[in-house]
C-alpha atoms as a PDB file:
ATOM      1  CA  UNK A   1     -70.261  -1.150  96.858  1.00  0.00           C
ATOM      2  CA  UNK A   2     -72.101   1.742  95.223  1.00  0.00           C
ATOM      3  CA  UNK A   3     -70.524   5.152  95.780  1.00  0.00           C
ATOM      4  CA  UNK A   4     -73.235   7.368  97.281  1.00  0.00           C
ATOM      5  CA  UNK A   5     -74.062   9.446 100.344  1.00  0.00           C
ATOM      6  CA  UNK A   6     -76.397   6.783 101.726  1.00  0.00           C
ATOM      7  CA  UNK A   7     -73.649   4.147 101.900  1.00  0.00           C
ATOM      8  CA  UNK A   8     -71.091   6.649 103.151  1.00  0.00           C
ATOM      9  CA  UNK A   9     -73.435   7.636 105.973  1.00  0.00           C
ATOM     10  CA  UNK A  10     -73.863   3.981 106.996  1.00  0.00           C
ATOM     11  CA  UNK A  11     -70.113   3.393 106.884  1.00  0.00           C
ATOM     12  CA  UNK A  12     -69.267   6.470 108.918  1.00  0.00           C
ATOM     13  CA  UNK A  13     -72.022   5.677 111.437  1.00  0.00           C
ATOM     14  CA  UNK A  14     -70.457   2.224 111.800  1.00  0.00           C
ATOM     15  CA  UNK A  15     -67.062   3.831 112.507  1.00  0.00           C
ATOM     16  CA  UNK A  16     -68.618   5.970 115.242  1.00  0.00           C
ATOM     17  CA  UNK A  17     -70.495   2.962 116.647  1.00  0.00           C
ATOM     18  CA  UNK A  18     -67.250   1.034 117.035  1.00  0.00           C
ATOM     19  CA  UNK A  19     -65.710   4.108 118.627  1.00  0.00           C
ATOM     20  CA  UNK A  20     -68.644   4.363 121.039  1.00  0.00           C
ATOM     21  CA  UNK A  21     -68.075   0.738 121.998  1.00  0.00           C
ATOM     22  CA  UNK A  22     -64.399   1.432 122.663  1.00  0.00           C
ATOM     23  CA  UNK A  23     -65.362   4.347 124.910  1.00  0.00           C
ATOM     24  CA  UNK A  24     -67.888   2.216 126.816  1.00  0.00           C
ATOM     25  CA  UNK A  25     -65.328  -0.479 127.570  1.00  0.00           C
ATOM     26  CA  UNK A  26     -62.574   1.995 128.421  1.00  0.00           C
ATOM     27  CA  UNK A  27     -64.672   4.050 130.805  1.00  0.00           C
ATOM     28  CA  UNK A  28     -67.068   1.525 132.319  1.00  0.00           C
ATOM     29  CA  UNK A  29     -65.572  -1.899 131.701  1.00  0.00           C
ATOM     30  CA  UNK A  30     -68.788  -2.918 129.927  1.00  0.00           C
ATOM     31  CA  UNK A  31     -70.268  -2.616 126.479  1.00  0.00           C
ATOM     32  CA  UNK A  32     -73.791  -3.010 125.096  1.00  0.00           C
ATOM     33  CA  UNK A  33     -74.141  -6.568 123.760  1.00  0.00           C
ATOM     34  CA  UNK A  34     -76.086  -5.636 120.637  1.00  0.00           C
ATOM     35  CA  UNK A  35     -73.654  -2.861 119.756  1.00  0.00           C
ATOM     36  CA  UNK A  36     -70.644  -5.133 120.307  1.00  0.00           C
ATOM     37  CA  UNK A  37     -72.013  -8.119 118.409  1.00  0.00           C
ATOM     38  CA  UNK A  38     -73.111  -5.905 115.507  1.00  0.00           C
ATOM     39  CA  UNK A  39     -69.614  -4.461 115.170  1.00  0.00           C
ATOM     40  CA  UNK A  40     -67.836  -7.798 115.541  1.00  0.00           C
ATOM     41  CA  UNK A  41     -70.149  -9.598 113.117  1.00  0.00           C
ATOM     42  CA  UNK A  42     -69.364  -7.007 110.443  1.00  0.00           C
ATOM     43  CA  UNK A  43     -65.746  -8.181 110.432  1.00  0.00           C
ATOM     44  CA  UNK A  44     -66.698 -11.825 109.990  1.00  0.00           C
ATOM     45  CA  UNK A  45     -69.674 -11.405 107.654  1.00  0.00           C
ATOM     46  CA  UNK A  46     -68.749 -12.090 104.027  1.00  0.00           C
ATOM     47  CA  UNK A  47     -72.258 -12.707 102.737  1.00  0.00           C
ATOM     48  CA  UNK A  48     -73.606  -9.135 102.864  1.00  0.00           C
ATOM     49  CA  UNK A  49     -74.831  -7.731  99.595  1.00  0.00           C
ATOM     50  CA  UNK A  50     -75.348  -4.191 100.875  1.00  0.00           C
ATOM     51  CA  UNK A  51     -73.931  -1.873 103.510  1.00  0.00           C
ATOM     52  CA  UNK A  52     -77.040  -2.281 105.676  1.00  0.00           C
ATOM     53  CA  UNK A  53     -76.893  -6.095 105.428  1.00  0.00           C
ATOM     54  CA  UNK A  54     -73.324  -5.972 106.721  1.00  0.00           C
ATOM     55  CA  UNK A  55     -74.700  -4.682 110.043  1.00  0.00           C
ATOM     56  CA  UNK A  56     -77.957  -6.600 110.027  1.00  0.00           C
ATOM     57  CA  UNK A  57     -80.285  -3.607 109.990  1.00  0.00           C
ATOM     58  CA  UNK A  58     -80.330   0.177 110.391  1.00  0.00           C
ATOM     59  CA  UNK A  59     -81.717  -0.338 113.893  1.00  0.00           C
ATOM     60  CA  UNK A  60     -78.477  -2.089 114.847  1.00  0.00           C
ATOM     61  CA  UNK A  61     -76.602   1.114 113.922  1.00  0.00           C
ATOM     62  CA  UNK A  62     -78.789   3.468 115.934  1.00  0.00           C
ATOM     63  CA  UNK A  63     -75.974   4.285 118.373  1.00  0.00           C
ATOM     64  CA  UNK A  64     -73.546   5.023 115.559  1.00  0.00           C
ATOM     65  CA  UNK A  65     -76.007   7.132 113.576  1.00  0.00           C
ATOM     66  CA  UNK A  66     -76.830   9.189 116.670  1.00  0.00           C
ATOM     67  CA  UNK A  67     -73.168   9.659 117.575  1.00  0.00           C
ATOM     68  CA  UNK A  68     -72.243  10.596 113.994  1.00  0.00           C
ATOM     69  CA  UNK A  69     -75.093  13.113 113.820  1.00  0.00           C
ATOM     70  CA  UNK A  70     -73.866  14.839 116.968  1.00  0.00           C
ATOM     71  CA  UNK A  71     -70.137  14.634 116.243  1.00  0.00           C
ATOM     72  CA  UNK A  72     -70.449  16.168 112.760  1.00  0.00           C
ATOM     73  CA  UNK A  73     -72.408  19.117 114.117  1.00  0.00           C
ATOM     74  CA  UNK A  74     -70.720  22.523 114.038  1.00  0.00           C
ATOM     75  CA  UNK A  75     -71.505  23.382 117.674  1.00  0.00           C
ATOM     76  CA  UNK A  76     -69.638  22.263 120.765  1.00  0.00           C
ATOM     77  CA  UNK A  77     -72.744  20.813 122.410  1.00  0.00           C
ATOM     78  CA  UNK A  78     -75.056  17.971 121.448  1.00  0.00           C
ATOM     79  CA  UNK A  79     -78.790  18.690 121.035  1.00  0.00           C
ATOM     80  CA  UNK A  80     -79.458  17.388 124.541  1.00  0.00           C
ATOM     81  CA  UNK A  81     -76.971  19.833 126.076  1.00  0.00           C
ATOM     82  CA  UNK A  82     -73.983  17.520 126.550  1.00  0.00           C
ATOM     83  CA  UNK A  83     -70.447  18.437 125.536  1.00  0.00           C
ATOM     84  CA  UNK A  84     -69.300  16.742 122.330  1.00  0.00           C
ATOM     85  CA  UNK A  85     -66.912  13.845 122.813  1.00  0.00           C
ATOM     86  CA  UNK A  86     -63.772  15.033 121.067  1.00  0.00           C
ATOM     87  CA  UNK A  87     -62.032  11.728 121.839  1.00  0.00           C
ATOM     88  CA  UNK A  88     -64.663   9.970 119.721  1.00  0.00           C
ATOM     89  CA  UNK A  89     -63.840  12.173 116.764  1.00  0.00           C
ATOM     90  CA  UNK A  90     -60.124  11.595 117.285  1.00  0.00           C
ATOM     91  CA  UNK A  91     -60.589   7.845 117.371  1.00  0.00           C
ATOM     92  CA  UNK A  92     -62.784   7.917 114.240  1.00  0.00           C
ATOM     93  CA  UNK A  93     -60.321  10.031 112.249  1.00  0.00           C
ATOM     94  CA  UNK A  94     -57.515   7.762 113.450  1.00  0.00           C
ATOM     95  CA  UNK A  95     -59.321   4.694 112.138  1.00  0.00           C
ATOM     96  CA  UNK A  96     -59.914   6.310 108.733  1.00  0.00           C
ATOM     97  CA  UNK A  97     -56.212   7.199 108.552  1.00  0.00           C
ATOM     98  CA  UNK A  98     -55.067   3.727 109.598  1.00  0.00           C
ATOM     99  CA  UNK A  99     -57.339   2.008 107.054  1.00  0.00           C
ATOM    100  CA  UNK A 100     -55.808   4.143 104.300  1.00  0.00           C
ATOM    101  CA  UNK A 101     -52.312   3.149 105.380  1.00  0.00           C
ATOM    102  CA  UNK A 102     -53.367  -0.493 105.597  1.00  0.00           C
ATOM    103  CA  UNK A 103     -54.776  -0.316 102.062  1.00  0.00           C
ATOM    104  CA  UNK A 104     -51.365   0.894 100.875  1.00  0.00           C
ATOM    105  CA  UNK A 105     -49.661  -2.126 102.491  1.00  0.00           C
ATOM    106  CA  UNK A 106     -50.864  -5.163 100.483  1.00  0.00           C
ATOM    107  CA  UNK A 107     -48.755  -7.655 102.459  1.00  0.00           C
ATOM    108  CA  UNK A 108     -50.147  -6.530 105.813  1.00  0.00           C
ATOM    109  CA  UNK A 109     -53.658  -6.327 104.402  1.00  0.00           C
ATOM    110  CA  UNK A 110     -53.413  -9.905 103.164  1.00  0.00           C
ATOM    111  CA  UNK A 111     -52.193 -11.007 106.591  1.00  0.00           C
ATOM    112  CA  UNK A 112     -55.237  -9.346 108.148  1.00  0.00           C
ATOM    113  CA  UNK A 113     -57.597 -11.059 105.684  1.00  0.00           C
ATOM    114  CA  UNK A 114     -56.025 -14.434 106.414  1.00  0.00           C
ATOM    115  CA  UNK A 115     -56.485 -13.879 110.138  1.00  0.00           C
ATOM    116  CA  UNK A 116     -60.144 -13.074 109.610  1.00  0.00           C
ATOM    117  CA  UNK A 117     -60.633 -16.194 107.507  1.00  0.00           C
ATOM    118  CA  UNK A 118     -59.071 -18.289 110.256  1.00  0.00           C
ATOM    119  CA  UNK A 119     -61.364 -16.686 112.837  1.00  0.00           C
ATOM    120  CA  UNK A 120     -64.425 -17.341 110.680  1.00  0.00           C
ATOM    121  CA  UNK A 121     -63.728 -21.063 111.006  1.00  0.00           C
ATOM    122  CA  UNK A 122     -64.045 -20.728 114.785  1.00  0.00           C
ATOM    123  CA  UNK A 123     -67.684 -19.670 114.338  1.00  0.00           C
ATOM    124  CA  UNK A 124     -68.455 -23.365 113.909  1.00  0.00           C
ATOM    125  CA  UNK A 125     -67.746 -23.740 117.621  1.00  0.00           C
ATOM    126  CA  UNK A 126     -68.265 -20.298 119.182  1.00  0.00           C
ATOM    127  CA  UNK A 127     -70.838 -17.477 118.976  1.00  0.00           C
ATOM    128  CA  UNK A 128     -69.810 -14.119 117.600  1.00  0.00           C
ATOM    129  CA  UNK A 129     -69.688 -12.601 121.070  1.00  0.00           C
ATOM    130  CA  UNK A 130     -67.602 -15.389 122.605  1.00  0.00           C
ATOM    131  CA  UNK A 131     -64.326 -14.400 124.261  1.00  0.00           C
ATOM    132  CA  UNK A 132     -62.367 -16.729 121.950  1.00  0.00           C
ATOM    133  CA  UNK A 133     -63.627 -14.839 118.880  1.00  0.00           C
ATOM    134  CA  UNK A 134     -62.898 -11.495 120.555  1.00  0.00           C
ATOM    135  CA  UNK A 135     -59.379 -12.621 121.468  1.00  0.00           C
ATOM    136  CA  UNK A 136     -58.737 -13.835 117.949  1.00  0.00           C
ATOM    137  CA  UNK A 137     -59.796 -10.515 116.413  1.00  0.00           C
ATOM    138  CA  UNK A 138     -57.783  -8.597 119.007  1.00  0.00           C
ATOM    139  CA  UNK A 139     -54.698 -10.588 118.057  1.00  0.00           C
ATOM    140  CA  UNK A 140     -55.244  -9.792 114.377  1.00  0.00           C
ATOM    141  CA  UNK A 141     -55.403  -6.091 115.216  1.00  0.00           C
ATOM    142  CA  UNK A 142     -52.225  -6.326 117.275  1.00  0.00           C
ATOM    143  CA  UNK A 143     -50.300  -8.167 114.569  1.00  0.00           C
ATOM    144  CA  UNK A 144     -51.393  -5.941 111.691  1.00  0.00           C
ATOM    145  CA  UNK A 145     -53.006  -2.556 112.247  1.00  0.00           C
ATOM    146  CA  UNK A 146     -51.041  -1.798 115.428  1.00  0.00           C
ATOM    147  CA  UNK A 147     -47.768  -2.319 113.585  1.00  0.00           C
ATOM    148  CA  UNK A 148     -48.651   0.223 110.901  1.00  0.00           C
ATOM    149  CA  UNK A 149     -49.074   3.126 113.311  1.00  0.00           C
ATOM    150  CA  UNK A 150     -49.677   5.647 114.578  1.00  0.00           C
ATOM    151  CA  UNK A 151     -51.382   3.719 117.364  1.00  0.00           C
ATOM    152  CA  UNK A 152     -54.730   4.905 118.622  1.00  0.00           C
ATOM    153  CA  UNK A 153     -54.179   5.782 122.282  1.00  0.00           C
ATOM    154  CA  UNK A 154     -57.392   4.928 124.087  1.00  0.00           C
ATOM    155  CA  UNK A 155     -58.195   6.935 127.207  1.00  0.00           C
ATOM    156  CA  UNK A 156     -60.363   5.732 130.051  1.00  0.00           C
ATOM    157  CA  UNK A 157     -60.290   4.288 133.567  1.00  0.00           C
ATOM    158  CA  UNK A 158     -56.936   2.559 134.084  1.00  0.00           C
ATOM    159  CA  UNK A 159     -58.537  -0.292 136.019  1.00  0.00           C
ATOM    160  CA  UNK A 160     -60.696  -1.115 132.992  1.00  0.00           C
ATOM    161  CA  UNK A 161     -57.937  -0.620 130.450  1.00  0.00           C
ATOM    162  CA  UNK A 162     -55.613  -2.928 132.392  1.00  0.00           C
ATOM    163  CA  UNK A 163     -58.108  -5.779 132.308  1.00  0.00           C
ATOM    164  CA  UNK A 164     -56.980  -8.270 129.570  1.00  0.00           C
ATOM    165  CA  UNK A 165     -60.549  -9.093 128.550  1.00  0.00           C
ATOM    166  CA  UNK A 166     -61.386  -5.421 128.161  1.00  0.00           C
ATOM    167  CA  UNK A 167     -58.180  -4.810 126.204  1.00  0.00           C
ATOM    168  CA  UNK A 168     -59.212  -7.583 123.807  1.00  0.00           C
ATOM    169  CA  UNK A 169     -62.668  -6.067 123.367  1.00  0.00           C
ATOM    170  CA  UNK A 170     -61.184  -2.675 122.612  1.00  0.00           C
ATOM    171  CA  UNK A 171     -58.814  -4.071 119.984  1.00  0.00           C
ATOM    172  CA  UNK A 172     -61.595  -6.140 118.421  1.00  0.00           C
ATOM    173  CA  UNK A 173     -63.805  -3.052 118.225  1.00  0.00           C
ATOM    174  CA  UNK A 174     -60.957  -1.057 116.668  1.00  0.00           C
ATOM    175  CA  UNK A 175     -60.587  -3.829 114.063  1.00  0.00           C
ATOM    176  CA  UNK A 176     -64.320  -3.522 113.383  1.00  0.00           C
ATOM    177  CA  UNK A 177     -63.736   0.210 113.027  1.00  0.00           C
ATOM    178  CA  UNK A 178     -61.123  -0.518 110.372  1.00  0.00           C
ATOM    179  CA  UNK A 179     -63.723  -2.653 108.568  1.00  0.00           C
ATOM    180  CA  UNK A 180     -66.157   0.246 108.665  1.00  0.00           C
ATOM    181  CA  UNK A 181     -63.440   2.608 107.429  1.00  0.00           C
ATOM    182  CA  UNK A 182     -62.832   0.250 104.503  1.00  0.00           C
ATOM    183  CA  UNK A 183     -66.569   0.395 103.731  1.00  0.00           C
ATOM    184  CA  UNK A 184     -66.347   4.190 103.860  1.00  0.00           C
ATOM    185  CA  UNK A 185     -63.586   4.189 101.234  1.00  0.00           C
ATOM    186  CA  UNK A 186     -65.410   1.619  99.087  1.00  0.00           C
ATOM    187  CA  UNK A 187     -68.465   3.912  99.137  1.00  0.00           C
ATOM    188  CA  UNK A 188     -66.348   6.772  97.801  1.00  0.00           C
ATOM    189  CA  UNK A 189     -65.430   8.291 101.132  1.00  0.00           C
ATOM    190  CA  UNK A 190     -62.236  10.282 101.725  1.00  0.00           C
ATOM    191  CA  UNK A 191     -61.058  13.256 103.789  1.00  0.00           C
ATOM    192  CA  UNK A 192     -62.491  15.756 101.309  1.00  0.00           C
ATOM    193  CA  UNK A 193     -65.839  14.018 101.210  1.00  0.00           C
ATOM    194  CA  UNK A 194     -65.954  14.199 105.011  1.00  0.00           C
ATOM    195  CA  UNK A 195     -65.416  17.966 104.902  1.00  0.00           C
ATOM    196  CA  UNK A 196     -67.537  18.811 101.888  1.00  0.00           C
ATOM    197  CA  UNK A 197     -70.431  16.430 102.564  1.00  0.00           C
ATOM    198  CA  UNK A 198     -70.720  16.922 106.324  1.00  0.00           C
ATOM    199  CA  UNK A 199     -74.154  18.514 106.000  1.00  0.00           C
ATOM    200  CA  UNK A 200     -75.359  15.812 103.596  1.00  0.00           C
ATOM    201  CA  UNK A 201     -74.094  13.068 105.881  1.00  0.00           C
ATOM    202  CA  UNK A 202     -75.869  14.621 108.867  1.00  0.00           C
ATOM    203  CA  UNK A 203     -79.081  14.930 106.876  1.00  0.00           C
ATOM    204  CA  UNK A 204     -78.822  11.275 105.777  1.00  0.00           C
ATOM    205  CA  UNK A 205     -78.152  10.102 109.347  1.00  0.00           C
ATOM    206  CA  UNK A 206     -81.142  12.082 110.584  1.00  0.00           C
ATOM    207  CA  UNK A 207     -83.300  10.551 107.838  1.00  0.00           C
ATOM    208  CA  UNK A 208     -82.193   7.052 108.821  1.00  0.00           C
ATOM    209  CA  UNK A 209     -82.915   7.684 112.491  1.00  0.00           C
ATOM    210  CA  UNK A 210     -86.371   9.053 111.695  1.00  0.00           C
ATOM    211  CA  UNK A 211     -87.132   5.877 109.766  1.00  0.00           C
ATOM    212  CA  UNK A 212     -86.527   3.670 112.779  1.00  0.00           C
END
């Protein structure tokens, strides 16, 4: 993975897209199918040659690019007058932190990779968005990332959070967020890059959105 702002912008947008999916499930009990499948497929896709190919197309990351553009802004309001979602930023930073800890734990990282490989075999029988695939990825997250800590405490409507199917979707999306955070690191991303390059990342996200 080439280390450049373009790839870092895609990776960070993917993190925010996964976070947006988590928020959708937690607060409404539903999630956009395209958003969800794009995030989940990125975990299971091992044939991508570029960051864009990992997510199918830039258009598939439109939600993440938009969210990233707003969340990195210096103001407290989005361009359309809505308050910024501080929970989204907290989730995103939490995922970047957890991926770093996972990278420093080779045994746990290998366990995660093995779980993904086992799940990939299930694609012979189930579509990416099938509940069996979601449950498998959720279990991987529970058995690996969740044990590293600190856990990401997801807020939302309790009735939605208590639903087992929703809980699986949230964990699967968080695992996809870890995948995106790994891409961020592979593209040269780190905490300093996030601070120093915030303007560049916004500009790149804006450029991507204008190309759609």
